[in-house]
């Protein structure tokens, strides 16, 4: 999985799902401008590392989210 630095061109986004924030790495399934992506925040680093997947149509992003939740990709 290739992660990119967090984009700032989507100031408004909605989080549709997320993992527990009790873990040092938190994943969020986000929607902005009609596209869906996964945001990965690593709280074990300083400053916090926030990365994003590519922007995808919804069903492809859902597949990626499912793979991450099953531990098939990081």
PDB file of N, CA and C in Angstrom:
ATOM      1  N   UNK A   1       0.837  -1.173   0.000  1.00  0.00           N
ATOM      2  CA  UNK A   1       0.000   0.000   0.000  1.00  0.00           C
ATOM      3  C   UNK A   1       0.879   1.231   0.000  1.00  0.00           C
ATOM      4  N   UNK A   2       0.646   2.121  -0.930  1.00  0.00           N
ATOM      5  CA  UNK A   2       1.381   3.375  -0.990  1.00  0.00           C
ATOM      6  C   UNK A   2       0.578   4.467  -0.306  1.00  0.00           C
ATOM      7  N   UNK A   3       1.191   5.106   0.676  1.00  0.00           N
ATOM      8  CA  UNK A   3       0.555   6.196   1.395  1.00  0.00           C
ATOM      9  C   UNK A   3       1.194   7.511   0.973  1.00  0.00           C
ATOM     10  N   UNK A   4       0.400   8.560   0.902  1.00  0.00           N
ATOM     11  CA  UNK A   4       0.880   9.897   0.542  1.00  0.00           C
ATOM     12  C   UNK A   4       0.631  10.830   1.714  1.00  0.00           C
ATOM     13  N   UNK A   5       1.404  11.917   1.797  1.00  0.00           N
ATOM     14  CA  UNK A   5       1.146  12.892   2.863  1.00  0.00           C
ATOM     15  C   UNK A   5      -0.285  13.415   2.781  1.00  0.00           C
ATOM     16  N   UNK A   6      -0.815  13.768   3.915  1.00  0.00           N
ATOM     17  CA  UNK A   6      -2.180  14.263   4.005  1.00  0.00           C
ATOM     18  C   UNK A   6      -2.357  15.502   3.130  1.00  0.00           C
ATOM     19  N   UNK A   7      -3.427  15.518   2.338  1.00  0.00           N
ATOM     20  CA  UNK A   7      -3.734  16.659   1.473  1.00  0.00           C
ATOM     21  C   UNK A   7      -4.466  17.730   2.268  1.00  0.00           C
ATOM     22  N   UNK A   8      -4.225  18.958   1.909  1.00  0.00           N
ATOM     23  CA  UNK A   8      -4.923  20.055   2.571  1.00  0.00           C
ATOM     24  C   UNK A   8      -5.955  20.688   1.657  1.00  0.00           C
ATOM     25  N   UNK A   9      -6.158  20.143   0.446  1.00  0.00           N
ATOM     26  CA  UNK A   9      -7.097  20.752  -0.487  1.00  0.00           C
ATOM     27  C   UNK A   9      -8.535  20.307  -0.265  1.00  0.00           C
ATOM     28  N   UNK A  10      -8.803  19.501   0.747  1.00  0.00           N
ATOM     29  CA  UNK A  10     -10.163  19.085   1.067  1.00  0.00           C
ATOM     30  C   UNK A  10     -10.457  19.459   2.517  1.00  0.00           C
ATOM     31  N   UNK A  11     -10.725  20.722   2.765  1.00  0.00           N
ATOM     32  CA  UNK A  11     -10.932  21.135   4.158  1.00  0.00           C
ATOM     33  C   UNK A  11     -12.173  20.518   4.787  1.00  0.00           C
ATOM     34  N   UNK A  12     -13.138  20.114   3.944  1.00  0.00           N
ATOM     35  CA  UNK A  12     -14.353  19.496   4.455  1.00  0.00           C
ATOM     36  C   UNK A  12     -14.382  18.031   4.031  1.00  0.00           C
ATOM     37  N   UNK A  13     -14.457  17.168   5.010  1.00  0.00           N
ATOM     38  CA  UNK A  13     -14.553  15.742   4.738  1.00  0.00           C
ATOM     39  C   UNK A  13     -15.391  15.105   5.833  1.00  0.00           C
ATOM     40  N   UNK A  14     -15.863  13.917   5.570  1.00  0.00           N
ATOM     41  CA  UNK A  14     -16.685  13.180   6.524  1.00  0.00           C
ATOM     42  C   UNK A  14     -16.019  11.843   6.799  1.00  0.00           C
ATOM     43  N   UNK A  15     -15.956  11.472   8.053  1.00  0.00           N
ATOM     44  CA  UNK A  15     -15.419  10.172   8.454  1.00  0.00           C
ATOM     45  C   UNK A  15     -16.584   9.194   8.525  1.00  0.00           C
ATOM     46  N   UNK A  16     -16.540   8.157   7.686  1.00  0.00           N
ATOM     47  CA  UNK A  16     -17.612   7.156   7.633  1.00  0.00           C
ATOM     48  C   UNK A  16     -17.370   5.992   8.582  1.00  0.00           C
ATOM     49  N   UNK A  17     -16.105   5.678   8.831  1.00  0.00           N
ATOM     50  CA  UNK A  17     -15.762   4.581   9.740  1.00  0.00           C
ATOM     51  C   UNK A  17     -14.357   4.848  10.280  1.00  0.00           C
ATOM     52  N   UNK A  18     -14.048   4.256  11.408  1.00  0.00           N
ATOM     53  CA  UNK A  18     -12.715   4.427  11.981  1.00  0.00           C
ATOM     54  C   UNK A  18     -12.397   3.259  12.895  1.00  0.00           C
ATOM     55  N   UNK A  19     -11.113   3.077  13.120  1.00  0.00           N
ATOM     56  CA  UNK A  19     -10.676   2.060  14.070  1.00  0.00           C
ATOM     57  C   UNK A  19     -10.561   2.708  15.445  1.00  0.00           C
ATOM     58  N   UNK A  20     -10.363   1.897  16.446  1.00  0.00           N
ATOM     59  CA  UNK A  20     -10.276   2.366  17.823  1.00  0.00           C
ATOM     60  C   UNK A  20      -9.047   3.253  18.010  1.00  0.00           C
ATOM     61  N   UNK A  21      -9.213   4.359  18.708  1.00  0.00           N
ATOM     62  CA  UNK A  21      -8.074   5.242  18.932  1.00  0.00           C
ATOM     63  C   UNK A  21      -7.227   4.817  20.129  1.00  0.00           C
ATOM     64  N   UNK A  22      -7.461   3.599  20.630  1.00  0.00           N
ATOM     65  CA  UNK A  22      -6.633   3.053  21.701  1.00  0.00           C
ATOM     66  C   UNK A  22      -5.332   2.466  21.148  1.00  0.00           C
ATOM     67  N   UNK A  23      -5.245   2.355  19.839  1.00  0.00           N
ATOM     68  CA  UNK A  23      -4.059   1.828  19.170  1.00  0.00           C
ATOM     69  C   UNK A  23      -3.188   2.992  18.704  1.00  0.00           C
ATOM     70  N   UNK A  24      -1.867   2.792  18.591  1.00  0.00           N
ATOM     71  CA  UNK A  24      -1.015   3.890  18.121  1.00  0.00           C
ATOM     72  C   UNK A  24      -1.250   4.252  16.655  1.00  0.00           C
ATOM     73  N   UNK A  25      -1.835   3.346  15.873  1.00  0.00           N
ATOM     74  CA  UNK A  25      -2.147   3.636  14.467  1.00  0.00           C
ATOM     75  C   UNK A  25      -3.662   3.565  14.306  1.00  0.00           C
ATOM     76  N   UNK A  26      -4.236   4.660  13.822  1.00  0.00           N
ATOM     77  CA  UNK A  26      -5.688   4.757  13.649  1.00  0.00           C
ATOM     78  C   UNK A  26      -5.988   4.938  12.172  1.00  0.00           C
ATOM     79  N   UNK A  27      -6.965   4.201  11.683  1.00  0.00           N
ATOM     80  CA  UNK A  27      -7.402   4.313  10.293  1.00  0.00           C
ATOM     81  C   UNK A  27      -8.792   4.928  10.260  1.00  0.00           C
ATOM     82  N   UNK A  28      -9.035   5.796   9.264  1.00  0.00           N
ATOM     83  CA  UNK A  28     -10.342   6.400   9.071  1.00  0.00           C
ATOM     84  C   UNK A  28     -10.732   6.276   7.609  1.00  0.00           C
ATOM     85  N   UNK A  29     -11.964   5.895   7.361  1.00  0.00           N
ATOM     86  CA  UNK A  29     -12.519   5.856   6.013  1.00  0.00           C
ATOM     87  C   UNK A  29     -13.218   7.196   5.812  1.00  0.00           C
ATOM     88  N   UNK A  30     -12.709   8.004   4.887  1.00  0.00           N
ATOM     89  CA  UNK A  30     -13.163   9.383   4.727  1.00  0.00           C
ATOM     90  C   UNK A  30     -13.763   9.616   3.341  1.00  0.00           C
ATOM     91  N   UNK A  31     -14.663  10.590   3.264  1.00  0.00           N
ATOM     92  CA  UNK A  31     -15.279  10.996   1.999  1.00  0.00           C
ATOM     93  C   UNK A  31     -15.107  12.504   1.853  1.00  0.00           C
ATOM     94  N   UNK A  32     -14.641  12.931   0.683  1.00  0.00           N
ATOM     95  CA  UNK A  32     -14.507  14.354   0.376  1.00  0.00           C
ATOM     96  C   UNK A  32     -14.682  14.549  -1.116  1.00  0.00           C
ATOM     97  N   UNK A  33     -15.454  15.536  -1.496  1.00  0.00           N
ATOM     98  CA  UNK A  33     -15.650  15.876  -2.911  1.00  0.00           C
ATOM     99  C   UNK A  33     -16.095  14.680  -3.748  1.00  0.00           C
ATOM    100  N   UNK A  34     -16.916  13.800  -3.180  1.00  0.00           N
ATOM    101  CA  UNK A  34     -17.456  12.664  -3.914  1.00  0.00           C
ATOM    102  C   UNK A  34     -16.519  11.481  -4.053  1.00  0.00           C
ATOM    103  N   UNK A  35     -15.329  11.564  -3.479  1.00  0.00           N
ATOM    104  CA  UNK A  35     -14.389  10.442  -3.527  1.00  0.00           C
ATOM    105  C   UNK A  35     -14.099   9.958  -2.114  1.00  0.00           C
ATOM    106  N   UNK A  36     -13.710   8.708  -2.012  1.00  0.00           N
ATOM    107  CA  UNK A  36     -13.471   8.078  -0.717  1.00  0.00           C
ATOM    108  C   UNK A  36     -11.998   7.706  -0.613  1.00  0.00           C
ATOM    109  N   UNK A  37     -11.460   7.799   0.591  1.00  0.00           N
ATOM    110  CA  UNK A  37     -10.054   7.458   0.816  1.00  0.00           C
ATOM    111  C   UNK A  37      -9.872   7.003   2.255  1.00  0.00           C
ATOM    112  N   UNK A  38      -8.715   6.418   2.538  1.00  0.00           N
ATOM    113  CA  UNK A  38      -8.385   5.982   3.883  1.00  0.00           C
ATOM    114  C   UNK A  38      -7.274   6.880   4.413  1.00  0.00           C
ATOM    115  N   UNK A  39      -7.481   7.384   5.615  1.00  0.00           N
ATOM    116  CA  UNK A  39      -6.457   8.194   6.276  1.00  0.00           C
ATOM    117  C   UNK A  39      -5.856   7.373   7.402  1.00  0.00           C
ATOM    118  N   UNK A  40      -4.524   7.417   7.505  1.00  0.00           N
ATOM    119  CA  UNK A  40      -3.782   6.630   8.501  1.00  0.00           C
ATOM    120  C   UNK A  40      -3.015   7.597   9.394  1.00  0.00           C
ATOM    121  N   UNK A  41      -3.302   7.576  10.689  1.00  0.00           N
ATOM    122  CA  UNK A  41      -2.609   8.447  11.648  1.00  0.00           C
ATOM    123  C   UNK A  41      -1.778   7.581  12.578  1.00  0.00           C
ATOM    124  N   UNK A  42      -0.487   7.855  12.626  1.00  0.00           N
ATOM    125  CA  UNK A  42       0.427   7.111  13.501  1.00  0.00           C
ATOM    126  C   UNK A  42       0.784   8.011  14.677  1.00  0.00           C
ATOM    127  N   UNK A  43       0.173   7.729  15.829  1.00  0.00           N
ATOM    128  CA  UNK A  43       0.360   8.549  17.020  1.00  0.00           C
ATOM    129  C   UNK A  43       1.641   8.190  17.778  1.00  0.00           C
ATOM    130  N   UNK A  44       2.381   7.181  17.310  1.00  0.00           N
ATOM    131  CA  UNK A  44       3.606   6.788  18.002  1.00  0.00           C
ATOM    132  C   UNK A  44       4.795   7.646  17.587  1.00  0.00           C
ATOM    133  N   UNK A  45       4.601   8.518  16.607  1.00  0.00           N
ATOM    134  CA  UNK A  45       5.675   9.403  16.155  1.00  0.00           C
ATOM    135  C   UNK A  45       5.378  10.835  16.578  1.00  0.00           C
ATOM    136  N   UNK A  46       6.425  11.629  16.674  1.00  0.00           N
ATOM    137  CA  UNK A  46       6.236  13.058  16.938  1.00  0.00           C
ATOM    138  C   UNK A  46       6.982  13.834  15.878  1.00  0.00           C
ATOM    139  N   UNK A  47       6.302  14.698  15.167  1.00  0.00           N
ATOM    140  CA  UNK A  47       4.858  14.916  15.237  1.00  0.00           C
ATOM    141  C   UNK A  47       4.108  13.729  14.649  1.00  0.00           C
ATOM    142  N   UNK A  48       2.833  13.668  14.925  1.00  0.00           N
ATOM    143  CA  UNK A  48       1.995  12.581  14.425  1.00  0.00           C
ATOM    144  C   UNK A  48       2.081  12.506  12.911  1.00  0.00           C
ATOM    145  N   UNK A  49       2.265  11.307  12.394  1.00  0.00           N
ATOM    146  CA  UNK A  49       2.342  11.087  10.950  1.00  0.00           C
ATOM    147  C   UNK A  49       0.932  10.816  10.431  1.00  0.00           C
ATOM    148  N   UNK A  50       0.456  11.673   9.529  1.00  0.00           N
ATOM    149  CA  UNK A  50      -0.871  11.490   8.932  1.00  0.00           C
ATOM    150  C   UNK A  50      -0.681  11.304   7.431  1.00  0.00           C
ATOM    151  N   UNK A  51      -1.103  10.141   6.948  1.00  0.00           N
ATOM    152  CA  UNK A  51      -0.957   9.796   5.538  1.00  0.00           C
ATOM    153  C   UNK A  51      -2.326   9.408   4.980  1.00  0.00           C
ATOM    154  N   UNK A  52      -2.443   9.450   3.646  1.00  0.00           N
ATOM    155  CA  UNK A  52      -3.702   9.102   3.003  1.00  0.00           C
ATOM    156  C   UNK A  52      -3.471   8.175   1.828  1.00  0.00           C
ATOM    157  N   UNK A  53      -4.499   7.367   1.543  1.00  0.00           N
ATOM    158  CA  UNK A  53      -4.489   6.559   0.329  1.00  0.00           C
ATOM    159  C   UNK A  53      -4.869   7.468  -0.834  1.00  0.00           C
ATOM    160  N   UNK A  54      -4.828   6.909  -2.024  1.00  0.00           N
ATOM    161  CA  UNK A  54      -5.317   7.675  -3.162  1.00  0.00           C
ATOM    162  C   UNK A  54      -6.822   7.850  -3.037  1.00  0.00           C
ATOM    163  N   UNK A  55      -7.369   8.849  -3.716  1.00  0.00           N
ATOM    164  CA  UNK A  55      -8.817   9.070  -3.730  1.00  0.00           C
ATOM    165  C   UNK A  55      -9.428   8.097  -4.722  1.00  0.00           C
ATOM    166  N   UNK A  56     -10.471   7.394  -4.286  1.00  0.00           N
ATOM    167  CA  UNK A  56     -11.053   6.309  -5.071  1.00  0.00           C
ATOM    168  C   UNK A  56     -12.567   6.454  -5.146  1.00  0.00           C
ATOM    169  N   UNK A  57     -13.154   5.804  -6.160  1.00  0.00           N
ATOM    170  CA  UNK A  57     -14.601   5.699  -6.151  1.00  0.00           C
ATOM    171  C   UNK A  57     -14.975   4.802  -4.978  1.00  0.00           C
ATOM    172  N   UNK A  58     -16.200   4.960  -4.499  1.00  0.00           N
ATOM    173  CA  UNK A  58     -16.579   4.364  -3.225  1.00  0.00           C
ATOM    174  C   UNK A  58     -16.347   2.862  -3.125  1.00  0.00           C
ATOM    175  N   UNK A  59     -16.766   2.082  -4.103  1.00  0.00           N
ATOM    176  CA  UNK A  59     -16.634   0.621  -3.943  1.00  0.00           C
ATOM    177  C   UNK A  59     -15.177   0.181  -3.913  1.00  0.00           C
ATOM    178  N   UNK A  60     -14.297   0.874  -4.618  1.00  0.00           N
ATOM    179  CA  UNK A  60     -12.861   0.512  -4.549  1.00  0.00           C
ATOM    180  C   UNK A  60     -12.277   0.880  -3.188  1.00  0.00           C
ATOM    181  N   UNK A  61     -12.698   2.013  -2.645  1.00  0.00           N
ATOM    182  CA  UNK A  61     -12.217   2.407  -1.319  1.00  0.00           C
ATOM    183  C   UNK A  61     -12.748   1.448  -0.256  1.00  0.00           C
ATOM    184  N   UNK A  62     -13.983   0.985  -0.416  1.00  0.00           N
ATOM    185  CA  UNK A  62     -14.538   0.003   0.515  1.00  0.00           C
ATOM    186  C   UNK A  62     -13.731  -1.299   0.484  1.00  0.00           C
ATOM    187  N   UNK A  63     -13.297  -1.706  -0.706  1.00  0.00           N
ATOM    188  CA  UNK A  63     -12.454  -2.901  -0.824  1.00  0.00           C
ATOM    189  C   UNK A  63     -11.131  -2.700  -0.095  1.00  0.00           C
ATOM    190  N   UNK A  64     -10.514  -1.528  -0.274  1.00  0.00           N
ATOM    191  CA  UNK A  64      -9.263  -1.217   0.409  1.00  0.00           C
ATOM    192  C   UNK A  64      -9.473  -1.231   1.919  1.00  0.00           C
ATOM    193  N   UNK A  65     -10.542  -0.608   2.379  1.00  0.00           N
ATOM    194  CA  UNK A  65     -10.853  -0.571   3.807  1.00  0.00           C
ATOM    195  C   UNK A  65     -10.990  -1.994   4.355  1.00  0.00           C
ATOM    196  N   UNK A  66     -11.698  -2.840   3.631  1.00  0.00           N
ATOM    197  CA  UNK A  66     -11.875  -4.234   4.061  1.00  0.00           C
ATOM    198  C   UNK A  66     -10.538  -4.968   4.131  1.00  0.00           C
ATOM    199  N   UNK A  67      -9.665  -4.731   3.167  1.00  0.00           N
ATOM    200  CA  UNK A  67      -8.340  -5.363   3.193  1.00  0.00           C
ATOM    201  C   UNK A  67      -7.544  -4.900   4.409  1.00  0.00           C
ATOM    202  N   UNK A  68      -7.596  -3.625   4.726  1.00  0.00           N
ATOM    203  CA  UNK A  68      -6.883  -3.106   5.885  1.00  0.00           C
ATOM    204  C   UNK A  68      -7.456  -3.723   7.156  1.00  0.00           C
ATOM    205  N   UNK A  69      -8.771  -3.801   7.251  1.00  0.00           N
ATOM    206  CA  UNK A  69      -9.417  -4.361   8.451  1.00  0.00           C
ATOM    207  C   UNK A  69      -9.109  -5.843   8.626  1.00  0.00           C
ATOM    208  N   UNK A  70      -8.899  -6.567   7.532  1.00  0.00           N
ATOM    209  CA  UNK A  70      -8.528  -7.985   7.614  1.00  0.00           C
ATOM    210  C   UNK A  70      -7.025  -8.183   7.813  1.00  0.00           C
ATOM    211  N   UNK A  71      -6.245  -7.102   7.801  1.00  0.00           N
ATOM    212  CA  UNK A  71      -4.808  -7.203   7.986  1.00  0.00           C
ATOM    213  C   UNK A  71      -4.060  -7.626   6.734  1.00  0.00           C
ATOM    214  N   UNK A  72      -4.699  -7.509   5.576  1.00  0.00           N
ATOM    215  CA  UNK A  72      -4.074  -7.922   4.327  1.00  0.00           C
ATOM    216  C   UNK A  72      -3.147  -6.854   3.751  1.00  0.00           C
ATOM    217  N   UNK A  73      -3.301  -5.630   4.177  1.00  0.00           N
ATOM    218  CA  UNK A  73      -2.449  -4.540   3.731  1.00  0.00           C
ATOM    219  C   UNK A  73      -2.314  -3.538   4.859  1.00  0.00           C
ATOM    220  N   UNK A  74      -1.263  -2.771   4.814  1.00  0.00           N
ATOM    221  CA  UNK A  74      -1.018  -1.750   5.852  1.00  0.00           C
ATOM    222  C   UNK A  74      -0.792  -0.426   5.208  1.00  0.00           C
TER     223      UNK A  74
END
